Amino acid sequence: MAFVPVFSALAAVPLLDEPLSATTLAGLAAVTAGAVLGARQGGPLPSAHACK
């Protein structure tokens, strides 16, 4: 899984004195959720045409 954006944002706090705001944490959560959803195993979801 690609967690480079998360590690980069967290490393910027002590190294570059960047503030760790609620917006940053929400972005980190969104990136992590997208990485987890993108990497999960399983078949494709059924399409709307298959549900008759």
N, C-alpha and C. Protein backbone atom coordinates (compact mmCIF):
# COMPACT_ATOMS: atom_id res chain seq x y z
N MET A 1 0.83 -1.18 0.00
CA MET A 1 0.00 0.00 0.00
C MET A 1 0.88 1.25 0.00
N ALA A 2 0.42 2.28 -0.61
CA ALA A 2 1.19 3.51 -0.70
C ALA A 2 0.81 4.47 0.42
N PHE A 3 1.66 4.57 1.41
CA PHE A 3 1.42 5.48 2.52
C PHE A 3 2.40 6.66 2.49
N VAL A 4 3.01 6.90 1.35
CA VAL A 4 3.97 8.00 1.23
C VAL A 4 3.31 9.34 1.55
N PRO A 5 2.10 9.64 1.07
CA PRO A 5 1.50 10.93 1.44
C PRO A 5 1.28 11.08 2.94
N VAL A 6 0.90 10.01 3.60
CA VAL A 6 0.67 10.06 5.04
C VAL A 6 1.99 10.30 5.78
N PHE A 7 3.03 9.54 5.44
CA PHE A 7 4.32 9.71 6.10
C PHE A 7 4.91 11.08 5.80
N SER A 8 4.71 11.58 4.61
CA SER A 8 5.23 12.90 4.25
C SER A 8 4.55 14.00 5.06
N ALA A 9 3.25 13.90 5.20
CA ALA A 9 2.53 14.92 5.96
C ALA A 9 2.89 14.86 7.44
N LEU A 10 3.03 13.65 7.98
CA LEU A 10 3.40 13.53 9.39
C LEU A 10 4.85 13.95 9.64
N ALA A 11 5.74 13.69 8.70
CA ALA A 11 7.14 14.08 8.86
C ALA A 11 7.30 15.59 8.75
N ALA A 12 6.39 16.26 8.05
CA ALA A 12 6.48 17.72 7.90
C ALA A 12 6.19 18.45 9.20
N VAL A 13 5.51 17.81 10.12
CA VAL A 13 5.18 18.47 11.39
C VAL A 13 6.45 18.77 12.19
N PRO A 14 7.28 17.78 12.52
CA PRO A 14 8.49 18.12 13.29
C PRO A 14 9.62 18.72 12.44
N LEU A 15 9.71 18.30 11.18
CA LEU A 15 10.84 18.75 10.36
C LEU A 15 10.67 20.16 9.81
N LEU A 16 9.45 20.52 9.44
CA LEU A 16 9.20 21.82 8.81
C LEU A 16 8.33 22.74 9.65
N ASP A 17 8.02 22.32 10.87
CA ASP A 17 7.15 23.08 11.77
C ASP A 17 5.79 23.38 11.16
N GLU A 18 5.27 22.42 10.41
CA GLU A 18 3.93 22.57 9.84
C GLU A 18 2.90 22.28 10.94
N PRO A 19 1.79 23.00 10.92
CA PRO A 19 0.75 22.73 11.93
C PRO A 19 -0.02 21.45 11.59
N LEU A 20 -0.40 20.73 12.61
CA LEU A 20 -1.20 19.52 12.42
C LEU A 20 -2.64 19.89 12.76
N SER A 21 -3.39 20.26 11.74
CA SER A 21 -4.75 20.75 11.94
C SER A 21 -5.77 19.64 11.71
N ALA A 22 -7.00 19.96 11.99
CA ALA A 22 -8.09 19.01 11.77
C ALA A 22 -8.24 18.71 10.28
N THR A 23 -7.99 19.70 9.45
CA THR A 23 -8.06 19.50 8.00
C THR A 23 -6.99 18.52 7.53
N THR A 24 -5.80 18.64 8.08
CA THR A 24 -4.72 17.72 7.73
C THR A 24 -5.05 16.30 8.16
N LEU A 25 -5.57 16.16 9.37
CA LEU A 25 -5.94 14.83 9.86
C LEU A 25 -7.08 14.23 9.03
N ALA A 26 -8.03 15.06 8.61
CA ALA A 26 -9.12 14.56 7.76
C ALA A 26 -8.57 14.11 6.41
N GLY A 27 -7.63 14.85 5.87
CA GLY A 27 -7.01 14.45 4.62
C GLY A 27 -6.23 13.15 4.74
N LEU A 28 -5.51 13.00 5.85
CA LEU A 28 -4.78 11.75 6.09
C LEU A 28 -5.74 10.57 6.20
N ALA A 29 -6.86 10.78 6.87
CA ALA A 29 -7.86 9.72 6.99
C ALA A 29 -8.45 9.36 5.63
N ALA A 30 -8.69 10.36 4.80
CA ALA A 30 -9.24 10.10 3.46
C ALA A 30 -8.25 9.34 2.59
N VAL A 31 -6.98 9.73 2.65
CA VAL A 31 -5.96 9.03 1.86
C VAL A 31 -5.81 7.58 2.34
N THR A 32 -5.80 7.39 3.65
CA THR A 32 -5.67 6.04 4.20
C THR A 32 -6.88 5.18 3.82
N ALA A 33 -8.08 5.74 3.93
CA ALA A 33 -9.29 4.99 3.56
C ALA A 33 -9.27 4.62 2.08
N GLY A 34 -8.82 5.53 1.24
CA GLY A 34 -8.73 5.24 -0.19
C GLY A 34 -7.71 4.16 -0.49
N ALA A 35 -6.58 4.18 0.22
CA ALA A 35 -5.57 3.14 0.02
C ALA A 35 -6.07 1.78 0.47
N VAL A 36 -6.76 1.75 1.59
CA VAL A 36 -7.30 0.48 2.10
C VAL A 36 -8.38 -0.05 1.16
N LEU A 37 -9.28 0.80 0.72
CA LEU A 37 -10.35 0.36 -0.19
C LEU A 37 -9.78 -0.07 -1.54
N GLY A 38 -8.75 0.60 -1.99
CA GLY A 38 -8.16 0.25 -3.27
C GLY A 38 -7.35 -1.03 -3.24
N ALA A 39 -6.84 -1.39 -2.07
CA ALA A 39 -5.98 -2.57 -1.97
C ALA A 39 -6.72 -3.81 -1.47
N ARG A 40 -7.96 -3.67 -1.11
CA ARG A 40 -8.66 -4.83 -0.55
C ARG A 40 -8.89 -5.90 -1.61
N GLN A 41 -8.99 -7.11 -1.17
CA GLN A 41 -9.20 -8.24 -2.05
C GLN A 41 -10.70 -8.46 -2.23
N GLY A 42 -11.05 -9.05 -3.31
CA GLY A 42 -12.46 -9.35 -3.54
C GLY A 42 -12.82 -9.09 -4.98
N GLY A 43 -13.93 -9.62 -5.35
CA GLY A 43 -14.39 -9.44 -6.72
C GLY A 43 -15.01 -8.08 -6.92
N PRO A 44 -15.30 -7.76 -8.14
CA PRO A 44 -15.93 -6.47 -8.42
C PRO A 44 -17.36 -6.45 -7.86
N LEU A 45 -17.81 -5.27 -7.56
CA LEU A 45 -19.19 -5.12 -7.08
C LEU A 45 -20.15 -5.36 -8.25
N PRO A 46 -21.32 -5.89 -7.97
CA PRO A 46 -22.27 -6.13 -9.07
C PRO A 46 -22.73 -4.80 -9.65
N SER A 47 -22.91 -4.79 -10.94
CA SER A 47 -23.36 -3.56 -11.60
C SER A 47 -24.85 -3.42 -11.46
N ALA A 48 -25.36 -2.26 -11.75
CA ALA A 48 -26.80 -2.02 -11.65
C ALA A 48 -27.58 -2.82 -12.68
N HIS A 49 -26.93 -3.17 -13.81
CA HIS A 49 -27.61 -3.94 -14.85
C HIS A 49 -27.78 -5.40 -14.44
N ALA A 50 -26.95 -5.89 -13.54
CA ALA A 50 -27.03 -7.29 -13.13
C ALA A 50 -28.16 -7.53 -12.13
N CYS A 51 -28.65 -6.47 -11.50
CA CYS A 51 -29.70 -6.58 -10.49
C CYS A 51 -31.06 -6.38 -11.14
N LYS A 52 -31.66 -7.46 -11.60
CA LYS A 52 -32.99 -7.35 -12.23
C LYS A 52 -34.01 -8.06 -11.40
